[in-house]
N, C-alpha and C. Protein backbone atom coordinates (compact mmCIF):
# COMPACT_ATOMS: atom_id res chain seq x y z
N UNK A 1 7.46 212.36 -26.99
CA UNK A 1 8.41 211.91 -26.35
C UNK A 1 9.70 211.85 -27.65
N UNK A 2 9.07 211.72 -28.87
CA UNK A 2 10.16 211.71 -29.95
C UNK A 2 10.73 212.79 -30.30
N UNK A 3 9.70 214.30 -29.94
CA UNK A 3 10.38 215.47 -30.22
C UNK A 3 11.41 215.69 -29.03
N UNK A 4 11.14 215.39 -27.76
CA UNK A 4 12.28 215.71 -26.74
C UNK A 4 13.37 214.82 -27.00
N UNK A 5 13.42 213.67 -27.62
CA UNK A 5 14.51 212.97 -28.21
C UNK A 5 15.29 213.73 -29.01
N UNK A 6 14.51 214.13 -30.33
CA UNK A 6 15.05 214.88 -31.02
C UNK A 6 15.76 216.23 -30.92
N UNK A 7 15.06 216.90 -29.75
CA UNK A 7 15.55 218.17 -29.26
C UNK A 7 17.00 217.76 -28.36
N UNK A 8 17.01 216.99 -27.88
CA UNK A 8 18.19 216.65 -27.00
C UNK A 8 19.26 215.74 -28.00
N UNK A 9 18.91 215.36 -29.28
CA UNK A 9 19.97 214.81 -30.19
C UNK A 9 20.60 216.14 -30.86
N UNK A 10 19.63 217.03 -31.04
CA UNK A 10 20.15 218.52 -31.72
C UNK A 10 20.97 219.13 -30.95
N UNK A 11 20.75 219.07 -29.59
CA UNK A 11 21.33 220.22 -28.46
C UNK A 11 22.71 219.13 -28.46
N UNK A 12 22.73 218.01 -28.45
CA UNK A 12 24.05 217.14 -28.45
C UNK A 12 24.80 217.49 -29.69
N UNK A 13 24.39 217.56 -30.58
CA UNK A 13 24.98 217.81 -31.91
C UNK A 13 25.57 219.16 -31.98
N UNK A 14 24.55 220.09 -31.37
CA UNK A 14 25.11 221.42 -31.56
C UNK A 14 26.57 221.80 -30.44
N UNK A 15 26.46 220.95 -29.36
CA UNK A 15 27.38 221.20 -28.18
C UNK A 15 28.68 220.57 -29.00
N UNK A 16 28.66 219.07 -29.71
CA UNK A 16 29.85 218.76 -30.48
C UNK A 16 30.25 219.35 -31.48
N UNK A 17 29.59 220.12 -32.21
CA UNK A 17 30.03 221.06 -33.30
C UNK A 17 30.74 222.34 -32.81
N UNK A 18 30.18 222.58 -31.41
CA UNK A 18 30.95 223.94 -30.99
C UNK A 18 32.17 223.46 -30.28
N UNK A 19 32.30 222.48 -29.68
CA UNK A 19 33.43 221.77 -29.23
C UNK A 19 34.49 221.51 -30.08
N UNK A 20 34.03 221.04 -31.19
CA UNK A 20 34.93 220.84 -32.64
C UNK A 20 35.51 222.01 -33.07
N UNK A 21 34.61 223.14 -33.13
CA UNK A 21 35.32 224.44 -33.47
C UNK A 21 36.27 224.82 -32.50
N UNK A 22 35.84 224.71 -31.46
CA UNK A 22 36.78 225.61 -30.52
C UNK A 22 38.05 224.85 -30.16
N UNK A 23 37.83 223.44 -30.76
CA UNK A 23 39.17 222.73 -30.59
C UNK A 23 40.08 222.93 -31.74
N UNK A 24 39.55 223.13 -32.71
CA UNK A 24 40.47 223.39 -34.20
C UNK A 24 40.84 224.79 -34.06
N UNK A 25 40.48 225.78 -33.23
CA UNK A 25 41.26 227.05 -33.28
C UNK A 25 42.28 227.01 -32.66
N UNK A 26 43.42 227.57 -33.49
CA UNK A 26 44.83 227.85 -32.99
C UNK A 26 45.08 228.64 -31.81
N UNK A 27 45.92 228.70 -31.10
CA UNK A 27 46.08 229.55 -30.12
C UNK A 27 47.17 230.87 -30.52
N UNK A 28 47.55 230.78 -31.94
CA UNK A 28 47.88 231.60 -32.58
C UNK A 28 47.75 232.03 -33.88
N UNK A 29 48.40 233.01 -34.45
CA UNK A 29 48.15 233.43 -36.13
C UNK A 29 49.48 233.33 -36.50
N UNK A 30 49.51 233.40 -37.91
CA UNK A 30 50.72 233.65 -38.77
C UNK A 30 51.18 235.07 -38.91
N UNK A 31 52.33 235.09 -38.74
CA UNK A 31 52.82 236.59 -38.80
C UNK A 31 53.78 236.77 -40.12
N UNK A 32 54.87 237.65 -39.91
CA UNK A 32 55.71 237.53 -41.15
C UNK A 32 56.35 236.71 -41.41
N UNK A 33 57.35 236.56 -42.43
CA UNK A 33 57.78 235.42 -42.74
C UNK A 33 59.54 236.07 -42.85
N UNK A 34 60.80 235.23 -42.38
CA UNK A 34 61.78 236.01 -42.44
C UNK A 34 62.72 235.25 -43.08
N UNK A 35 63.82 235.62 -44.19
CA UNK A 35 64.96 234.86 -44.53
C UNK A 35 66.19 235.30 -43.86
N UNK A 36 66.58 234.38 -42.73
CA UNK A 36 67.73 234.46 -42.28
C UNK A 36 68.93 233.81 -42.92
N UNK A 37 70.17 234.63 -43.21
CA UNK A 37 71.15 234.05 -44.14
C UNK A 37 72.46 234.24 -43.17
N UNK A 38 72.89 233.14 -42.92
CA UNK A 38 74.18 233.11 -42.24
C UNK A 38 75.47 233.43 -43.08
N UNK A 39 76.55 234.21 -42.74
CA UNK A 39 77.35 234.88 -43.39
C UNK A 39 78.92 234.63 -42.85
N UNK A 40 79.83 234.05 -43.40
CA UNK A 40 80.95 234.21 -42.67
C UNK A 40 82.05 235.40 -43.60
N UNK A 41 82.31 236.21 -43.02
CA UNK A 41 83.27 237.31 -43.73
C UNK A 41 84.73 236.72 -43.84
N UNK A 42 85.31 236.89 -44.82
CA UNK A 42 86.56 236.46 -44.98
C UNK A 42 87.77 237.12 -44.33
N UNK A 43 88.63 236.43 -43.86
CA UNK A 43 89.42 237.39 -43.03
C UNK A 43 89.96 238.63 -43.78
N UNK A 44 89.95 239.70 -42.88
CA UNK A 44 90.63 241.02 -43.14
C UNK A 44 89.58 241.77 -44.31
N UNK A 45 88.16 241.28 -44.41
CA UNK A 45 87.29 241.93 -45.40
C UNK A 45 86.11 242.42 -44.41
N UNK A 46 86.07 242.59 -43.57
CA UNK A 46 84.87 242.83 -42.81
C UNK A 46 84.53 244.08 -42.72
N UNK A 47 85.28 245.12 -42.63
CA UNK A 47 85.23 246.70 -42.92
C UNK A 47 84.71 246.94 -44.33
N UNK A 48 85.06 246.13 -45.27
CA UNK A 48 85.00 246.34 -46.68
C UNK A 48 83.45 245.63 -47.28
N UNK A 49 83.44 244.68 -46.43
CA UNK A 49 82.12 243.92 -46.41
C UNK A 49 80.91 244.72 -45.71
N UNK A 50 81.19 245.30 -45.01
CA UNK A 50 80.04 246.13 -44.10
C UNK A 50 79.81 247.53 -44.91
N UNK A 51 81.07 248.02 -45.54
CA UNK A 51 81.11 249.14 -46.63
C UNK A 51 79.99 248.68 -47.49
N UNK A 52 80.22 247.52 -48.18
CA UNK A 52 79.14 247.08 -49.27
C UNK A 52 77.66 246.89 -48.72
N UNK A 53 77.61 246.35 -47.43
CA UNK A 53 76.36 246.39 -46.80
C UNK A 53 75.58 247.81 -46.71
N UNK A 54 76.47 248.75 -46.11
CA UNK A 54 75.80 250.17 -46.08
C UNK A 54 75.27 250.91 -47.10
N UNK A 55 75.84 250.43 -48.26
CA UNK A 55 75.70 251.13 -49.54
C UNK A 55 74.89 250.44 -50.52
N UNK A 56 75.48 249.44 -51.16
CA UNK A 56 74.96 248.73 -52.27
C UNK A 56 73.79 247.88 -51.78
N UNK A 57 74.18 247.17 -50.96
CA UNK A 57 72.94 246.11 -50.26
C UNK A 57 71.80 247.15 -49.81
N UNK A 58 72.19 248.23 -48.90
CA UNK A 58 71.25 248.94 -48.44
C UNK A 58 70.33 249.72 -49.58
N UNK A 59 71.00 250.16 -50.63
CA UNK A 59 70.17 250.78 -51.82
C UNK A 59 69.19 249.52 -52.23
N UNK A 60 69.49 248.61 -52.69
CA UNK A 60 68.67 247.70 -53.07
C UNK A 60 67.85 247.19 -52.08
N UNK A 61 67.89 247.13 -50.86
CA UNK A 61 66.94 246.79 -50.10
C UNK A 61 65.82 247.74 -49.69
N UNK A 62 66.29 249.09 -49.76
CA UNK A 62 65.42 250.27 -49.49
C UNK A 62 64.44 250.31 -50.82
N UNK A 63 65.02 249.96 -52.02
CA UNK A 63 64.16 249.95 -52.93
C UNK A 63 63.05 249.07 -52.83
N UNK A 64 63.45 247.62 -52.47
CA UNK A 64 62.77 246.57 -52.62
C UNK A 64 61.70 247.04 -51.31
N UNK A 65 62.00 247.73 -50.16
CA UNK A 65 60.98 248.13 -49.17
C UNK A 65 59.91 249.24 -50.03
N UNK A 66 60.56 250.10 -50.92
CA UNK A 66 59.82 251.28 -51.31
C UNK A 66 58.65 250.58 -52.37
N UNK A 67 58.98 249.26 -52.93
CA UNK A 67 58.17 248.62 -54.07
C UNK A 67 57.20 247.89 -53.32
N UNK A 68 57.30 247.49 -52.07
CA UNK A 68 56.49 246.83 -51.24
C UNK A 68 56.92 245.35 -51.46
N UNK A 69 58.17 244.89 -51.92
CA UNK A 69 58.42 243.60 -51.90
C UNK A 69 58.81 242.69 -50.60
N UNK A 70 59.50 243.76 -49.78
CA UNK A 70 59.78 243.34 -48.40
C UNK A 70 59.55 244.15 -47.44
N UNK A 71 59.37 244.02 -46.03
CA UNK A 71 58.87 244.69 -44.87
C UNK A 71 59.59 245.60 -44.49
N UNK A 72 61.08 244.64 -44.11
CA UNK A 72 62.41 245.24 -43.43
C UNK A 72 63.52 244.55 -43.78
N UNK A 73 64.70 244.87 -43.42
CA UNK A 73 65.96 244.11 -43.44
C UNK A 73 66.51 244.45 -42.35
N UNK A 74 67.47 243.73 -41.80
CA UNK A 74 68.46 243.98 -40.61
C UNK A 74 69.69 243.10 -40.51
N UNK A 75 70.61 243.56 -40.10
CA UNK A 75 71.82 242.93 -39.92
C UNK A 75 72.34 242.83 -38.45
N UNK A 76 72.55 241.50 -38.13
CA UNK A 76 73.15 241.40 -36.76
C UNK A 76 74.68 240.72 -36.88
N UNK A 77 75.45 241.36 -35.90
CA UNK A 77 76.58 240.62 -35.84
C UNK A 77 76.53 239.53 -34.70
N UNK A 78 77.76 238.70 -35.09
CA UNK A 78 77.65 237.53 -34.20
C UNK A 78 78.97 237.16 -33.44
N UNK A 79 79.34 236.57 -32.45
CA UNK A 79 80.57 236.24 -31.76
C UNK A 79 80.67 234.85 -32.00
N UNK A 80 81.36 234.17 -33.32
CA UNK A 80 81.08 232.73 -33.47
C UNK A 80 82.23 231.82 -32.63
N UNK A 81 81.58 230.95 -32.21
CA UNK A 81 82.35 230.01 -31.16
C UNK A 81 83.63 229.21 -31.76
N UNK A 82 83.42 229.10 -33.18
CA UNK A 82 84.31 228.22 -33.81
C UNK A 82 84.62 228.98 -35.25
N UNK A 83 85.68 228.92 -35.81
CA UNK A 83 85.98 229.67 -37.21
C UNK A 83 84.93 228.87 -38.37
N UNK A 84 84.29 228.12 -37.79
CA UNK A 84 83.26 227.72 -39.23
C UNK A 84 82.10 228.56 -39.17
N UNK A 85 81.71 229.11 -38.05
CA UNK A 85 80.61 229.74 -37.86
C UNK A 85 80.33 231.19 -38.23
N UNK A 86 79.17 231.36 -38.58
CA UNK A 86 78.80 232.87 -38.93
C UNK A 86 79.17 234.10 -37.93
N UNK A 87 79.64 235.11 -38.80
CA UNK A 87 79.75 236.22 -38.00
C UNK A 87 78.82 237.32 -38.43
N UNK A 88 78.10 237.46 -39.14
CA UNK A 88 77.08 238.12 -39.39
C UNK A 88 75.88 237.20 -39.74
N UNK A 89 74.63 237.90 -39.70
CA UNK A 89 73.37 237.29 -40.13
C UNK A 89 72.43 238.43 -40.92
N UNK A 90 72.10 238.12 -42.05
CA UNK A 90 71.27 239.07 -42.76
C UNK A 90 69.88 238.82 -42.70
N UNK A 91 68.88 239.70 -42.20
CA UNK A 91 67.54 239.18 -42.35
C UNK A 91 66.88 240.16 -43.10
N UNK A 92 65.81 239.25 -43.65
CA UNK A 92 64.65 240.11 -44.96
C UNK A 92 63.55 239.64 -44.45
N UNK A 93 62.72 240.42 -43.89
CA UNK A 93 61.36 240.12 -43.71
C UNK A 93 60.30 240.60 -44.53
N UNK A 94 59.52 239.25 -44.80
CA UNK A 94 58.63 239.60 -45.94
C UNK A 94 57.01 239.44 -45.42
N UNK A 95 56.02 239.84 -45.83
CA UNK A 95 54.53 240.23 -45.09
C UNK A 95 54.10 238.64 -45.37
N UNK A 96 54.62 237.65 -46.08
CA UNK A 96 53.94 236.41 -45.93
C UNK A 96 54.55 235.65 -46.86
N UNK A 97 54.45 234.25 -46.80
CA UNK A 97 54.67 233.39 -47.86
C UNK A 97 54.65 233.61 -49.41
N UNK A 98 53.40 234.06 -49.48
CA UNK A 98 53.02 234.52 -50.68
C UNK A 98 53.89 235.39 -51.31
N UNK A 99 54.48 236.29 -50.71
CA UNK A 99 55.47 237.22 -51.22
C UNK A 99 56.80 236.62 -51.70
N UNK A 100 57.01 235.45 -51.72
CA UNK A 100 58.18 235.01 -52.04
C UNK A 100 57.86 234.27 -53.37
N UNK A 101 56.82 234.22 -53.81
CA UNK A 101 56.26 233.91 -55.38
C UNK A 101 56.80 234.81 -56.20
N UNK A 102 57.70 234.12 -57.09
CA UNK A 102 58.36 235.14 -58.30
C UNK A 102 59.08 236.20 -57.72
N UNK A 103 59.47 235.83 -56.67
CA UNK A 103 60.46 237.10 -55.88
C UNK A 103 61.78 237.28 -56.61
N UNK A 104 62.63 236.30 -57.04
CA UNK A 104 63.70 236.28 -57.70
C UNK A 104 63.81 237.19 -59.27
N UNK A 105 62.74 237.09 -59.81
CA UNK A 105 62.52 237.99 -61.32
C UNK A 105 62.26 239.17 -60.82
N UNK A 106 61.27 239.43 -59.75
CA UNK A 106 61.32 241.16 -59.54
C UNK A 106 62.48 241.68 -58.76
N UNK A 107 63.08 240.71 -58.04
CA UNK A 107 64.63 241.38 -57.55
C UNK A 107 65.61 241.92 -58.59
N UNK A 108 65.35 240.88 -59.71
CA UNK A 108 66.53 240.88 -60.85
C UNK A 108 65.82 242.66 -61.55
N UNK A 109 64.75 242.55 -61.52
CA UNK A 109 64.37 243.62 -62.37
C UNK A 109 64.84 245.06 -61.44
N UNK A 110 64.38 244.81 -60.10
CA UNK A 110 65.10 245.96 -59.37
C UNK A 110 66.32 246.31 -59.17
N UNK A 111 67.17 245.05 -59.04
CA UNK A 111 68.56 244.88 -59.29
C UNK A 111 69.15 245.74 -60.54
N UNK A 112 68.46 245.58 -61.83
CA UNK A 112 68.73 246.30 -62.95
C UNK A 112 68.60 247.72 -62.61
N UNK A 113 67.34 248.06 -62.10
CA UNK A 113 66.90 249.42 -62.02
C UNK A 113 68.15 250.35 -61.26
N UNK A 114 68.22 249.72 -60.17
CA UNK A 114 69.30 250.39 -59.14
C UNK A 114 70.83 250.39 -60.06
N UNK A 115 71.10 249.44 -60.59
CA UNK A 115 72.33 249.37 -60.87
C UNK A 115 72.60 249.77 -62.43
N UNK A 116 71.71 250.02 -63.11
CA UNK A 116 71.46 250.49 -64.56
C UNK A 116 71.55 249.46 -65.57
N UNK A 117 71.79 247.97 -65.04
CA UNK A 117 71.57 246.65 -66.19
C UNK A 117 72.09 245.30 -65.02
N UNK A 118 71.55 244.50 -65.59
CA UNK A 118 71.83 243.42 -64.99
C UNK A 118 72.97 242.96 -65.05
N UNK A 119 73.76 243.03 -65.94
CA UNK A 119 75.30 242.70 -65.90
C UNK A 119 76.10 243.51 -65.05
N UNK A 120 75.51 244.65 -64.50
CA UNK A 120 75.98 245.36 -63.54
C UNK A 120 75.91 245.22 -62.11
N UNK A 121 74.54 244.58 -62.15
CA UNK A 121 74.22 243.87 -60.76
C UNK A 121 74.91 242.71 -60.63
N UNK A 122 75.06 241.95 -61.48
CA UNK A 122 76.13 240.82 -61.46
C UNK A 122 77.39 240.86 -61.09
N UNK A 123 78.13 242.01 -61.43
CA UNK A 123 79.30 242.44 -61.26
C UNK A 123 79.48 242.74 -59.56
N UNK A 124 78.55 243.41 -59.03
CA UNK A 124 78.29 243.76 -57.80
C UNK A 124 78.17 242.53 -56.92
N UNK A 125 77.44 241.52 -57.35
CA UNK A 125 77.29 240.20 -56.83
C UNK A 125 78.70 239.13 -56.71
N UNK A 126 79.32 239.38 -57.88
CA UNK A 126 80.79 238.81 -57.67
C UNK A 126 81.63 239.43 -56.97
N UNK A 127 81.75 240.87 -56.73
CA UNK A 127 82.49 241.54 -55.93
C UNK A 127 82.23 241.34 -54.25
N UNK A 128 80.80 241.22 -54.03
CA UNK A 128 80.52 240.73 -52.58
C UNK A 128 80.93 239.18 -52.15
N UNK A 129 81.11 238.18 -53.39
CA UNK A 129 81.50 236.77 -53.08
C UNK A 129 83.17 236.86 -52.84
N UNK A 130 83.97 237.73 -53.17
CA UNK A 130 85.11 237.96 -52.83
C UNK A 130 85.45 238.33 -51.41
N UNK A 131 84.51 238.60 -50.61
CA UNK A 131 84.58 239.38 -49.19
C UNK A 131 84.05 237.94 -48.31
N UNK A 132 82.95 237.34 -48.64
CA UNK A 132 82.20 236.57 -47.51
C UNK A 132 81.88 235.28 -48.15
N UNK A 133 81.38 234.17 -47.30
CA UNK A 133 80.78 232.84 -47.49
C UNK A 133 79.43 232.97 -47.21
N UNK A 134 78.74 232.69 -47.98
CA UNK A 134 77.09 232.20 -47.11
C UNK A 134 77.13 230.80 -46.93
N UNK A 135 77.03 230.56 -45.50
CA UNK A 135 77.02 229.48 -44.79
C UNK A 135 75.69 228.50 -44.98
N UNK A 136 74.64 229.71 -44.73
CA UNK A 136 73.34 228.86 -45.15
C UNK A 136 72.07 229.98 -44.80
N UNK A 137 70.95 229.31 -45.56
CA UNK A 137 70.24 230.52 -45.34
C UNK A 137 68.53 229.39 -44.87
N UNK A 138 67.42 230.12 -44.03
CA UNK A 138 66.50 229.66 -43.55
C UNK A 138 65.35 230.55 -43.53
N UNK A 139 64.35 230.05 -43.64
CA UNK A 139 62.71 230.65 -43.68
C UNK A 139 62.46 230.41 -42.34
N UNK A 140 61.93 231.51 -41.60
CA UNK A 140 61.39 231.29 -40.39
C UNK A 140 59.79 232.12 -40.29
N UNK A 141 58.79 231.61 -39.83
CA UNK A 141 57.62 232.53 -39.66
C UNK A 141 57.32 232.86 -38.25
N UNK A 142 57.05 234.01 -38.02
CA UNK A 142 56.63 234.79 -36.64
C UNK A 142 55.07 234.09 -36.64
N UNK A 143 55.10 233.35 -35.22
CA UNK A 143 53.93 233.14 -34.93
C UNK A 143 53.11 233.82 -33.68
N UNK A 144 52.42 234.56 -33.83
CA UNK A 144 51.78 235.66 -32.97
C UNK A 144 50.64 235.03 -32.00
N UNK A 145 50.75 235.13 -30.68
CA UNK A 145 49.71 234.67 -29.80
C UNK A 145 48.39 235.57 -30.26
N UNK A 146 47.16 234.78 -30.21
CA UNK A 146 45.85 235.52 -30.41
C UNK A 146 45.32 236.34 -29.01
């Protein structure tokens, strides 16, 4: 009789463990991580800023892709409902959250490589600040269904 009770107990424990494992399994898995920056281009500078994005920014992003620092990048135009809302969104996609560790120093090295020096890279940054205002930035993570 004792062995029957032990078998029932072991069976119940196994069913409970299986149920807990199944309950803990998420219906999704983590995907890539993207930084989305909201940009308001200053009046009369849209074409100038787009030229900057299609040359200088693009050059840096392509180098970052080549180095494996980013997965992709894209630019989205928006129709703002009010003058305070963004008219562009810049999206940079990373493999995962760990890809953000030490990213600033890696991008500084890359910018110096692209522009010849960190000082020249800083000058390019100052040029773009005269054309736009960054309203904010956020990180979003893709969640993929299993």
